[in-house]
C-alpha atoms as a PDB file:
ATOM      1  CA  UNK A   1      27.719   3.971   8.548  1.00  0.00           C
ATOM      2  CA  UNK A   2      25.052   2.603   6.316  1.00  0.00           C
ATOM      3  CA  UNK A   3      22.168   1.340   8.057  1.00  0.00           C
ATOM      4  CA  UNK A   4      22.746  -1.874   6.711  1.00  0.00           C
ATOM      5  CA  UNK A   5      26.257  -2.186   8.319  1.00  0.00           C
ATOM      6  CA  UNK A   6      24.265  -1.247  11.263  1.00  0.00           C
ATOM      7  CA  UNK A   7      21.627  -3.984  11.640  1.00  0.00           C
ATOM      8  CA  UNK A   8      24.385  -6.303  11.066  1.00  0.00           C
ATOM      9  CA  UNK A   9      26.865  -4.577  13.496  1.00  0.00           C
ATOM     10  CA  UNK A  10      23.709  -4.642  16.300  1.00  0.00           C
ATOM     11  CA  UNK A  11      22.789  -8.306  15.394  1.00  0.00           C
ATOM     12  CA  UNK A  12      26.606  -9.326  16.214  1.00  0.00           C
ATOM     13  CA  UNK A  13      27.171  -7.442  19.308  1.00  0.00           C
ATOM     14  CA  UNK A  14      23.576  -8.406  20.601  1.00  0.00           C
ATOM     15  CA  UNK A  15      24.866 -12.004  19.970  1.00  0.00           C
ATOM     16  CA  UNK A  16      28.191 -11.072  22.692  1.00  0.00           C
ATOM     17  CA  UNK A  17      25.679 -10.869  25.214  1.00  0.00           C
ATOM     18  CA  UNK A  18      25.411 -13.031  28.420  1.00  0.00           C
ATOM     19  CA  UNK A  19      21.548 -13.530  27.843  1.00  0.00           C
ATOM     20  CA  UNK A  20      20.491 -14.538  24.166  1.00  0.00           C
ATOM     21  CA  UNK A  21      16.944 -15.508  25.431  1.00  0.00           C
ATOM     22  CA  UNK A  22      13.445 -13.406  25.116  1.00  0.00           C
ATOM     23  CA  UNK A  23      14.323 -11.331  27.967  1.00  0.00           C
ATOM     24  CA  UNK A  24      15.980  -7.647  26.889  1.00  0.00           C
ATOM     25  CA  UNK A  25      20.106  -8.971  27.008  1.00  0.00           C
ATOM     26  CA  UNK A  26      21.974  -7.650  30.198  1.00  0.00           C
ATOM     27  CA  UNK A  27      25.501  -6.257  30.513  1.00  0.00           C
ATOM     28  CA  UNK A  28      28.201  -8.140  32.310  1.00  0.00           C
ATOM     29  CA  UNK A  29      31.004  -6.083  32.110  1.00  0.00           C
ATOM     30  CA  UNK A  30      33.836  -8.314  33.926  1.00  0.00           C
ATOM     31  CA  UNK A  31      36.929  -7.407  31.210  1.00  0.00           C
ATOM     32  CA  UNK A  32      38.149  -5.509  28.382  1.00  0.00           C
ATOM     33  CA  UNK A  33      36.336  -7.535  25.429  1.00  0.00           C
ATOM     34  CA  UNK A  34      32.800  -7.182  27.200  1.00  0.00           C
ATOM     35  CA  UNK A  35      33.565  -3.608  28.235  1.00  0.00           C
ATOM     36  CA  UNK A  36      34.324  -3.114  24.258  1.00  0.00           C
ATOM     37  CA  UNK A  37      31.413  -5.301  22.807  1.00  0.00           C
ATOM     38  CA  UNK A  38      29.230  -3.324  24.876  1.00  0.00           C
ATOM     39  CA  UNK A  39      30.580   0.079  23.718  1.00  0.00           C
ATOM     40  CA  UNK A  40      30.372  -1.513  19.949  1.00  0.00           C
ATOM     41  CA  UNK A  41      27.048  -2.187  21.027  1.00  0.00           C
ATOM     42  CA  UNK A  42      25.653   1.068  21.919  1.00  0.00           C
ATOM     43  CA  UNK A  43      27.845   3.436  19.525  1.00  0.00           C
ATOM     44  CA  UNK A  44      26.322   1.252  16.490  1.00  0.00           C
ATOM     45  CA  UNK A  45      22.571   2.406  17.793  1.00  0.00           C
ATOM     46  CA  UNK A  46      22.943   6.125  17.019  1.00  0.00           C
ATOM     47  CA  UNK A  47      19.831   7.112  14.490  1.00  0.00           C
ATOM     48  CA  UNK A  48      18.978   3.348  14.477  1.00  0.00           C
ATOM     49  CA  UNK A  49      15.576   3.730  16.112  1.00  0.00           C
ATOM     50  CA  UNK A  50      14.580   6.725  14.024  1.00  0.00           C
ATOM     51  CA  UNK A  51      15.645   3.800  11.010  1.00  0.00           C
ATOM     52  CA  UNK A  52      13.251   1.345  12.682  1.00  0.00           C
ATOM     53  CA  UNK A  53      10.027   3.577  12.324  1.00  0.00           C
ATOM     54  CA  UNK A  54      11.026   5.266   9.052  1.00  0.00           C
ATOM     55  CA  UNK A  55      12.503   2.812   6.947  1.00  0.00           C
ATOM     56  CA  UNK A  56      11.147  -0.536   8.811  1.00  0.00           C
ATOM     57  CA  UNK A  57       7.978   0.726  10.110  1.00  0.00           C
ATOM     58  CA  UNK A  58       8.618  -0.633  13.655  1.00  0.00           C
ATOM     59  CA  UNK A  59       5.583   0.754  15.816  1.00  0.00           C
ATOM     60  CA  UNK A  60       7.673   1.681  19.058  1.00  0.00           C
ATOM     61  CA  UNK A  61       4.850   0.697  21.468  1.00  0.00           C
ATOM     62  CA  UNK A  62       6.196  -2.659  20.719  1.00  0.00           C
ATOM     63  CA  UNK A  63       9.855  -2.335  20.985  1.00  0.00           C
ATOM     64  CA  UNK A  64      10.243  -5.750  23.469  1.00  0.00           C
ATOM     65  CA  UNK A  65       9.328  -7.755  20.641  1.00  0.00           C
ATOM     66  CA  UNK A  66      11.876  -6.169  18.527  1.00  0.00           C
ATOM     67  CA  UNK A  67      14.165  -6.916  21.022  1.00  0.00           C
ATOM     68  CA  UNK A  68      12.882 -10.909  21.184  1.00  0.00           C
ATOM     69  CA  UNK A  69      13.114 -11.072  17.707  1.00  0.00           C
ATOM     70  CA  UNK A  70      16.645  -9.659  17.630  1.00  0.00           C
ATOM     71  CA  UNK A  71      17.774 -11.940  20.447  1.00  0.00           C
ATOM     72  CA  UNK A  72      16.465 -15.072  18.434  1.00  0.00           C
ATOM     73  CA  UNK A  73      17.788 -14.059  15.206  1.00  0.00           C
ATOM     74  CA  UNK A  74      21.674 -13.457  17.077  1.00  0.00           C
ATOM     75  CA  UNK A  75      21.167 -17.073  18.791  1.00  0.00           C
ATOM     76  CA  UNK A  76      20.101 -18.725  15.624  1.00  0.00           C
ATOM     77  CA  UNK A  77      24.071 -17.758  14.439  1.00  0.00           C
ATOM     78  CA  UNK A  78      24.863 -19.305  11.225  1.00  0.00           C
ATOM     79  CA  UNK A  79      21.902 -22.065  11.288  1.00  0.00           C
ATOM     80  CA  UNK A  80      20.565 -21.674   7.284  1.00  0.00           C
ATOM     81  CA  UNK A  81      17.130 -23.155   8.027  1.00  0.00           C
ATOM     82  CA  UNK A  82      16.634 -20.614  10.454  1.00  0.00           C
ATOM     83  CA  UNK A  83      18.028 -17.760   8.715  1.00  0.00           C
ATOM     84  CA  UNK A  84      16.062 -18.628   5.593  1.00  0.00           C
ATOM     85  CA  UNK A  85      12.829 -18.638   7.687  1.00  0.00           C
ATOM     86  CA  UNK A  86      13.974 -15.030   9.048  1.00  0.00           C
ATOM     87  CA  UNK A  87      14.465 -13.658   5.630  1.00  0.00           C
ATOM     88  CA  UNK A  88      11.087 -14.664   4.621  1.00  0.00           C
ATOM     89  CA  UNK A  89       9.392 -12.780   7.110  1.00  0.00           C
ATOM     90  CA  UNK A  90      11.336  -9.652   6.461  1.00  0.00           C
ATOM     91  CA  UNK A  91      11.120 -10.149   2.520  1.00  0.00           C
ATOM     92  CA  UNK A  92       6.611 -10.557   3.406  1.00  0.00           C
ATOM     93  CA  UNK A  93       6.932  -7.351   5.760  1.00  0.00           C
ATOM     94  CA  UNK A  94       8.042  -5.551   2.892  1.00  0.00           C
ATOM     95  CA  UNK A  95       5.442  -6.850   0.563  1.00  0.00           C
ATOM     96  CA  UNK A  96       3.077  -6.000   2.471  1.00  0.00           C
ATOM     97  CA  UNK A  97       4.308  -2.410   3.771  1.00  0.00           C
ATOM     98  CA  UNK A  98       5.720  -1.062   1.160  1.00  0.00           C
ATOM     99  CA  UNK A  99       5.433  -3.017  -2.436  1.00  0.00           C
ATOM    100  CA  UNK A 100       1.339  -3.539  -2.063  1.00  0.00           C
ATOM    101  CA  UNK A 101       1.256   0.405  -0.553  1.00  0.00           C
ATOM    102  CA  UNK A 102       3.105   1.404  -3.681  1.00  0.00           C
ATOM    103  CA  UNK A 103       1.609  -0.427  -6.358  1.00  0.00           C
ATOM    104  CA  UNK A 104      -1.905   0.430  -4.330  1.00  0.00           C
ATOM    105  CA  UNK A 105      -0.660   4.173  -4.642  1.00  0.00           C
ATOM    106  CA  UNK A 106      -0.005   3.964  -8.092  1.00  0.00           C
ATOM    107  CA  UNK A 107      -2.898   2.199  -8.751  1.00  0.00           C
ATOM    108  CA  UNK A 108      -5.439   3.639  -6.803  1.00  0.00           C
ATOM    109  CA  UNK A 109      -3.797   6.876  -5.610  1.00  0.00           C
ATOM    110  CA  UNK A 110      -5.259   8.006  -2.899  1.00  0.00           C
ATOM    111  CA  UNK A 111      -8.266   5.440  -2.524  1.00  0.00           C
ATOM    112  CA  UNK A 112      -7.287   3.573   0.906  1.00  0.00           C
ATOM    113  CA  UNK A 113     -10.598   0.795   0.281  1.00  0.00           C
ATOM    114  CA  UNK A 114      -9.234  -0.638  -2.708  1.00  0.00           C
ATOM    115  CA  UNK A 115      -6.216  -2.708  -2.976  1.00  0.00           C
ATOM    116  CA  UNK A 116      -4.834  -5.389  -5.301  1.00  0.00           C
ATOM    117  CA  UNK A 117      -4.851  -8.898  -4.640  1.00  0.00           C
ATOM    118  CA  UNK A 118      -2.408  -9.912  -1.897  1.00  0.00           C
ATOM    119  CA  UNK A 119      -3.021 -13.862  -1.897  1.00  0.00           C
ATOM    120  CA  UNK A 120      -1.994 -13.639  -5.883  1.00  0.00           C
ATOM    121  CA  UNK A 121       0.795 -11.215  -5.735  1.00  0.00           C
ATOM    122  CA  UNK A 122       2.179 -13.775  -3.386  1.00  0.00           C
ATOM    123  CA  UNK A 123       1.052 -16.671  -5.024  1.00  0.00           C
ATOM    124  CA  UNK A 124       2.766 -14.841  -8.305  1.00  0.00           C
ATOM    125  CA  UNK A 125       5.841 -13.808  -5.906  1.00  0.00           C
ATOM    126  CA  UNK A 126       6.539 -17.416  -5.006  1.00  0.00           C
ATOM    127  CA  UNK A 127       6.054 -19.330  -8.523  1.00  0.00           C
ATOM    128  CA  UNK A 128       8.443 -16.369  -9.570  1.00  0.00           C
ATOM    129  CA  UNK A 129      11.347 -17.065  -6.279  1.00  0.00           C
ATOM    130  CA  UNK A 130      10.818 -21.570  -6.433  1.00  0.00           C
ATOM    131  CA  UNK A 131      10.729 -21.583 -10.712  1.00  0.00           C
ATOM    132  CA  UNK A 132       8.319 -24.688 -10.011  1.00  0.00           C
ATOM    133  CA  UNK A 133       6.498 -26.030 -12.738  1.00  0.00           C
ATOM    134  CA  UNK A 134       3.022 -24.438 -11.447  1.00  0.00           C
ATOM    135  CA  UNK A 135       4.249 -21.323 -13.119  1.00  0.00           C
ATOM    136  CA  UNK A 136       1.039 -19.109 -15.227  1.00  0.00           C
ATOM    137  CA  UNK A 137       3.119 -17.218 -17.912  1.00  0.00           C
ATOM    138  CA  UNK A 138       6.822 -16.621 -18.625  1.00  0.00           C
ATOM    139  CA  UNK A 139       8.804 -13.418 -17.168  1.00  0.00           C
ATOM    140  CA  UNK A 140       8.349 -11.772 -20.442  1.00  0.00           C
ATOM    141  CA  UNK A 141       4.502 -11.820 -20.221  1.00  0.00           C
ATOM    142  CA  UNK A 142       4.361 -11.368 -16.816  1.00  0.00           C
ATOM    143  CA  UNK A 143       6.490  -8.321 -17.126  1.00  0.00           C
ATOM    144  CA  UNK A 144       3.945  -7.119 -20.379  1.00  0.00           C
ATOM    145  CA  UNK A 145       0.353  -8.515 -18.593  1.00  0.00           C
ATOM    146  CA  UNK A 146       1.843  -5.997 -15.173  1.00  0.00           C
ATOM    147  CA  UNK A 147       2.297  -2.805 -17.168  1.00  0.00           C
ATOM    148  CA  UNK A 148      -0.459  -3.027 -19.331  1.00  0.00           C
ATOM    149  CA  UNK A 149      -3.440  -4.142 -16.960  1.00  0.00           C
ATOM    150  CA  UNK A 150      -2.305  -1.802 -14.524  1.00  0.00           C
ATOM    151  CA  UNK A 151      -2.550   0.831 -17.078  1.00  0.00           C
ATOM    152  CA  UNK A 152      -5.676  -0.173 -17.998  1.00  0.00           C
ATOM    153  CA  UNK A 153      -6.837  -0.734 -14.435  1.00  0.00           C
ATOM    154  CA  UNK A 154      -5.439   2.463 -13.470  1.00  0.00           C
ATOM    155  CA  UNK A 155      -6.901   4.191 -16.626  1.00  0.00           C
ATOM    156  CA  UNK A 156     -10.828   2.923 -15.582  1.00  0.00           C
ATOM    157  CA  UNK A 157     -10.239   3.858 -12.269  1.00  0.00           C
ATOM    158  CA  UNK A 158      -9.175   7.356 -12.405  1.00  0.00           C
ATOM    159  CA  UNK A 159     -11.685   8.165 -15.662  1.00  0.00           C
ATOM    160  CA  UNK A 160     -14.374   7.145 -13.223  1.00  0.00           C
ATOM    161  CA  UNK A 161     -13.043   9.736 -10.826  1.00  0.00           C
ATOM    162  CA  UNK A 162     -12.030  12.440 -13.149  1.00  0.00           C
ATOM    163  CA  UNK A 163     -14.179  11.522 -15.653  1.00  0.00           C
ATOM    164  CA  UNK A 164     -16.049  15.348 -15.433  1.00  0.00           C
ATOM    165  CA  UNK A 165     -12.650  16.732 -16.007  1.00  0.00           C
ATOM    166  CA  UNK A 166     -12.335  14.426 -19.710  1.00  0.00           C
ATOM    167  CA  UNK A 167     -15.515  15.588 -20.551  1.00  0.00           C
ATOM    168  CA  UNK A 168     -15.345  19.141 -20.097  1.00  0.00           C
ATOM    169  CA  UNK A 169     -12.204  19.218 -22.320  1.00  0.00           C
ATOM    170  CA  UNK A 170     -13.426  17.725 -25.072  1.00  0.00           C
ATOM    171  CA  UNK A 171     -16.487  20.217 -24.688  1.00  0.00           C
ATOM    172  CA  UNK A 172     -14.090  22.902 -24.702  1.00  0.00           C
ATOM    173  CA  UNK A 173     -12.184  21.705 -27.844  1.00  0.00           C
ATOM    174  CA  UNK A 174     -15.351  21.013 -29.538  1.00  0.00           C
ATOM    175  CA  UNK A 175     -16.566  24.860 -29.208  1.00  0.00           C
ATOM    176  CA  UNK A 176     -12.717  26.399 -29.502  1.00  0.00           C
ATOM    177  CA  UNK A 177     -11.978  24.919 -32.717  1.00  0.00           C
ATOM    178  CA  UNK A 178     -14.932  27.151 -34.089  1.00  0.00           C
ATOM    179  CA  UNK A 179     -13.129  29.891 -33.259  1.00  0.00           C
ATOM    180  CA  UNK A 180     -11.653  32.167 -35.677  1.00  0.00           C
ATOM    181  CA  UNK A 181      -7.912  31.694 -36.063  1.00  0.00           C
ATOM    182  CA  UNK A 182      -7.832  28.266 -34.664  1.00  0.00           C
ATOM    183  CA  UNK A 183      -6.658  25.100 -36.756  1.00  0.00           C
ATOM    184  CA  UNK A 184      -7.228  21.153 -35.785  1.00  0.00           C
ATOM    185  CA  UNK A 185      -4.507  18.780 -36.623  1.00  0.00           C
ATOM    186  CA  UNK A 186      -5.075  15.074 -37.407  1.00  0.00           C
ATOM    187  CA  UNK A 187      -4.381  14.196 -34.331  1.00  0.00           C
ATOM    188  CA  UNK A 188      -6.654  16.477 -32.200  1.00  0.00           C
ATOM    189  CA  UNK A 189      -4.215  19.080 -31.512  1.00  0.00           C
ATOM    190  CA  UNK A 190      -5.181  22.864 -31.921  1.00  0.00           C
ATOM    191  CA  UNK A 191      -3.211  25.721 -32.350  1.00  0.00           C
ATOM    192  CA  UNK A 192      -3.566  29.682 -33.160  1.00  0.00           C
ATOM    193  CA  UNK A 193      -0.615  31.273 -34.734  1.00  0.00           C
ATOM    194  CA  UNK A 194      -0.182  34.580 -32.981  1.00  0.00           C
ATOM    195  CA  UNK A 195       3.393  35.527 -34.609  1.00  0.00           C
ATOM    196  CA  UNK A 196       4.478  33.897 -37.803  1.00  0.00           C
ATOM    197  CA  UNK A 197       8.584  33.462 -37.409  1.00  0.00           C
ATOM    198  CA  UNK A 198      11.092  33.369 -40.007  1.00  0.00           C
ATOM    199  CA  UNK A 199      13.453  30.948 -38.528  1.00  0.00           C
ATOM    200  CA  UNK A 200      14.344  26.952 -38.697  1.00  0.00           C
ATOM    201  CA  UNK A 201      12.092  24.677 -37.843  1.00  0.00           C
ATOM    202  CA  UNK A 202      12.557  21.973 -34.951  1.00  0.00           C
ATOM    203  CA  UNK A 203      13.104  18.449 -35.481  1.00  0.00           C
ATOM    204  CA  UNK A 204      11.637  15.582 -32.892  1.00  0.00           C
ATOM    205  CA  UNK A 205      15.220  15.696 -31.920  1.00  0.00           C
ATOM    206  CA  UNK A 206      16.409  19.687 -31.597  1.00  0.00           C
ATOM    207  CA  UNK A 207      17.293  21.606 -29.033  1.00  0.00           C
ATOM    208  CA  UNK A 208      15.265  24.072 -28.315  1.00  0.00           C
ATOM    209  CA  UNK A 209      14.511  27.371 -26.063  1.00  0.00           C
ATOM    210  CA  UNK A 210      11.036  28.384 -25.490  1.00  0.00           C
ATOM    211  CA  UNK A 211       9.562  30.873 -22.969  1.00  0.00           C
ATOM    212  CA  UNK A 212       5.859  29.893 -22.351  1.00  0.00           C
ATOM    213  CA  UNK A 213       2.884  29.817 -20.050  1.00  0.00           C
ATOM    214  CA  UNK A 214       0.724  26.702 -19.400  1.00  0.00           C
ATOM    215  CA  UNK A 215      -2.779  26.974 -17.918  1.00  0.00           C
ATOM    216  CA  UNK A 216      -6.013  24.971 -17.831  1.00  0.00           C
ATOM    217  CA  UNK A 217      -9.219  25.724 -19.324  1.00  0.00           C
ATOM    218  CA  UNK A 218     -10.872  27.586 -16.493  1.00  0.00           C
ATOM    219  CA  UNK A 219      -7.574  30.189 -17.160  1.00  0.00           C
ATOM    220  CA  UNK A 220      -5.692  29.143 -14.204  1.00  0.00           C
ATOM    221  CA  UNK A 221      -1.930  29.042 -15.216  1.00  0.00           C
ATOM    222  CA  UNK A 222       0.002  26.223 -13.567  1.00  0.00           C
ATOM    223  CA  UNK A 223       3.247  27.337 -14.845  1.00  0.00           C
ATOM    224  CA  UNK A 224       5.035  30.456 -16.473  1.00  0.00           C
ATOM    225  CA  UNK A 225       8.507  30.705 -17.379  1.00  0.00           C
ATOM    226  CA  UNK A 226       7.734  34.573 -18.151  1.00  0.00           C
ATOM    227  CA  UNK A 227       7.082  34.430 -14.569  1.00  0.00           C
ATOM    228  CA  UNK A 228      10.855  33.163 -13.460  1.00  0.00           C
ATOM    229  CA  UNK A 229      11.923  35.883 -16.168  1.00  0.00           C
ATOM    230  CA  UNK A 230      13.861  32.768 -17.815  1.00  0.00           C
ATOM    231  CA  UNK A 231      13.341  31.265 -20.994  1.00  0.00           C
ATOM    232  CA  UNK A 232      13.381  27.240 -20.518  1.00  0.00           C
ATOM    233  CA  UNK A 233      15.832  24.841 -22.660  1.00  0.00           C
ATOM    234  CA  UNK A 234      15.214  20.226 -23.808  1.00  0.00           C
ATOM    235  CA  UNK A 235      15.112  19.037 -26.161  1.00  0.00           C
ATOM    236  CA  UNK A 236      11.838  18.846 -28.461  1.00  0.00           C
ATOM    237  CA  UNK A 237      10.956  15.022 -28.187  1.00  0.00           C
ATOM    238  CA  UNK A 238      11.396  15.041 -24.434  1.00  0.00           C
ATOM    239  CA  UNK A 239       8.260  17.046 -23.464  1.00  0.00           C
ATOM    240  CA  UNK A 240       4.273  15.738 -24.033  1.00  0.00           C
ATOM    241  CA  UNK A 241       3.211  14.780 -27.385  1.00  0.00           C
ATOM    242  CA  UNK A 242       1.443  17.970 -27.779  1.00  0.00           C
ATOM    243  CA  UNK A 243       4.179  20.160 -26.913  1.00  0.00           C
ATOM    244  CA  UNK A 244       6.966  17.901 -29.651  1.00  0.00           C
ATOM    245  CA  UNK A 245       3.906  18.567 -32.156  1.00  0.00           C
ATOM    246  CA  UNK A 246       3.938  21.645 -31.803  1.00  0.00           C
ATOM    247  CA  UNK A 247       7.347  22.818 -32.033  1.00  0.00           C
ATOM    248  CA  UNK A 248       8.162  20.279 -34.945  1.00  0.00           C
ATOM    249  CA  UNK A 249       5.041  23.224 -36.833  1.00  0.00           C
ATOM    250  CA  UNK A 250       6.798  26.166 -35.962  1.00  0.00           C
ATOM    251  CA  UNK A 251       9.925  28.385 -37.075  1.00  0.00           C
ATOM    252  CA  UNK A 252      12.145  29.870 -35.026  1.00  0.00           C
ATOM    253  CA  UNK A 253      10.491  32.948 -34.033  1.00  0.00           C
ATOM    254  CA  UNK A 254       6.940  32.102 -34.134  1.00  0.00           C
ATOM    255  CA  UNK A 255       4.931  32.474 -31.451  1.00  0.00           C
ATOM    256  CA  UNK A 256       1.199  29.793 -30.817  1.00  0.00           C
ATOM    257  CA  UNK A 257      -1.527  29.576 -28.645  1.00  0.00           C
ATOM    258  CA  UNK A 258      -1.532  25.618 -28.357  1.00  0.00           C
ATOM    259  CA  UNK A 259      -4.820  23.733 -27.228  1.00  0.00           C
ATOM    260  CA  UNK A 260      -3.800  20.118 -26.212  1.00  0.00           C
ATOM    261  CA  UNK A 261      -6.236  17.477 -25.388  1.00  0.00           C
ATOM    262  CA  UNK A 262      -5.656  15.229 -22.296  1.00  0.00           C
ATOM    263  CA  UNK A 263      -4.594  12.255 -24.300  1.00  0.00           C
ATOM    264  CA  UNK A 264      -1.472  14.505 -25.805  1.00  0.00           C
ATOM    265  CA  UNK A 265      -1.215  15.492 -22.505  1.00  0.00           C
ATOM    266  CA  UNK A 266      -0.257  13.719 -19.188  1.00  0.00           C
ATOM    267  CA  UNK A 267      -3.817  11.608 -19.728  1.00  0.00           C
ATOM    268  CA  UNK A 268      -4.523   9.700 -16.082  1.00  0.00           C
ATOM    269  CA  UNK A 269      -1.738  11.088 -14.643  1.00  0.00           C
ATOM    270  CA  UNK A 270      -1.526  13.609 -12.246  1.00  0.00           C
ATOM    271  CA  UNK A 271       1.040  16.313 -12.543  1.00  0.00           C
ATOM    272  CA  UNK A 272       1.392  18.621  -9.640  1.00  0.00           C
ATOM    273  CA  UNK A 273      -1.401  21.042 -10.145  1.00  0.00           C
ATOM    274  CA  UNK A 274      -2.719  19.300 -13.251  1.00  0.00           C
ATOM    275  CA  UNK A 275      -5.497  16.599 -12.632  1.00  0.00           C
ATOM    276  CA  UNK A 276      -5.926  13.821 -14.606  1.00  0.00           C
ATOM    277  CA  UNK A 277      -7.484  14.124 -18.089  1.00  0.00           C
ATOM    278  CA  UNK A 278      -7.061  17.945 -18.018  1.00  0.00           C
ATOM    279  CA  UNK A 279      -6.998  19.505 -21.389  1.00  0.00           C
ATOM    280  CA  UNK A 280      -4.412  22.496 -21.355  1.00  0.00           C
ATOM    281  CA  UNK A 281      -3.932  25.754 -22.934  1.00  0.00           C
ATOM    282  CA  UNK A 282       0.315  27.006 -23.394  1.00  0.00           C
ATOM    283  CA  UNK A 283       1.327  29.809 -25.396  1.00  0.00           C
ATOM    284  CA  UNK A 284       4.894  28.940 -26.789  1.00  0.00           C
ATOM    285  CA  UNK A 285       7.400  31.203 -28.014  1.00  0.00           C
ATOM    286  CA  UNK A 286       9.869  29.572 -29.848  1.00  0.00           C
ATOM    287  CA  UNK A 287      13.173  31.709 -29.356  1.00  0.00           C
ATOM    288  CA  UNK A 288      15.569  29.389 -30.996  1.00  0.00           C
ATOM    289  CA  UNK A 289      16.326  26.080 -32.348  1.00  0.00           C
ATOM    290  CA  UNK A 290      20.118  24.884 -31.249  1.00  0.00           C
END
């Protein structure tokens, strides 16, 4: 049974107990309905404690407090005023324990000392929920500003933390551009032709089959289809920008070594073993254009 159903069923079962105060309800099994009610309540708790801890983040040290709250909620019945209040508490806890933590993780990574403004988040949340005239912006503007500012703040923060990677990549590309056979495109992508192919040239929408090896500028291999002994297939525009640019200039059968600046790779994002602002090196063997 779904967890929400468990919560609802547990609350219904709790309402059948004789005590609806703040103490633990006491079973009073006088007849079949009493026994059925108790059995239903008990049976609905299979896995429920794990749900409280894992999904609702309830500290089991305070289970007595949970029971008190459950009793109050069950006793409220269909009182709409109380139902709205309890819903507000639930949403508030979700904002604090899930939304804010998730946003902080996205913007500030593992730095637990940084946080967005809870006060202003709640002000915006209330304005959007109530639809009052105090709203500072339209929904469309809010979505644009949230996305833009998040990227700006995240970018600045990540650059401060990983700026050394960016500088190392710039220095590498500057020196690499002077090496024999290395060509640089208008975007800053660099490549060296190892083998010239004579097959068709992919479009950005073409399906391609490739073998490849990717490594960082210090020579550490982070991914390789050669080690898996199996080529990979994908659409040319479904990969990082540097890959798309290279593929659409490589005839099938070609083998290139491609040097991708961080802004044409993953930028400020951390991707597995790849740290933010990393310049990447790929050997790309274009086997087939579909």
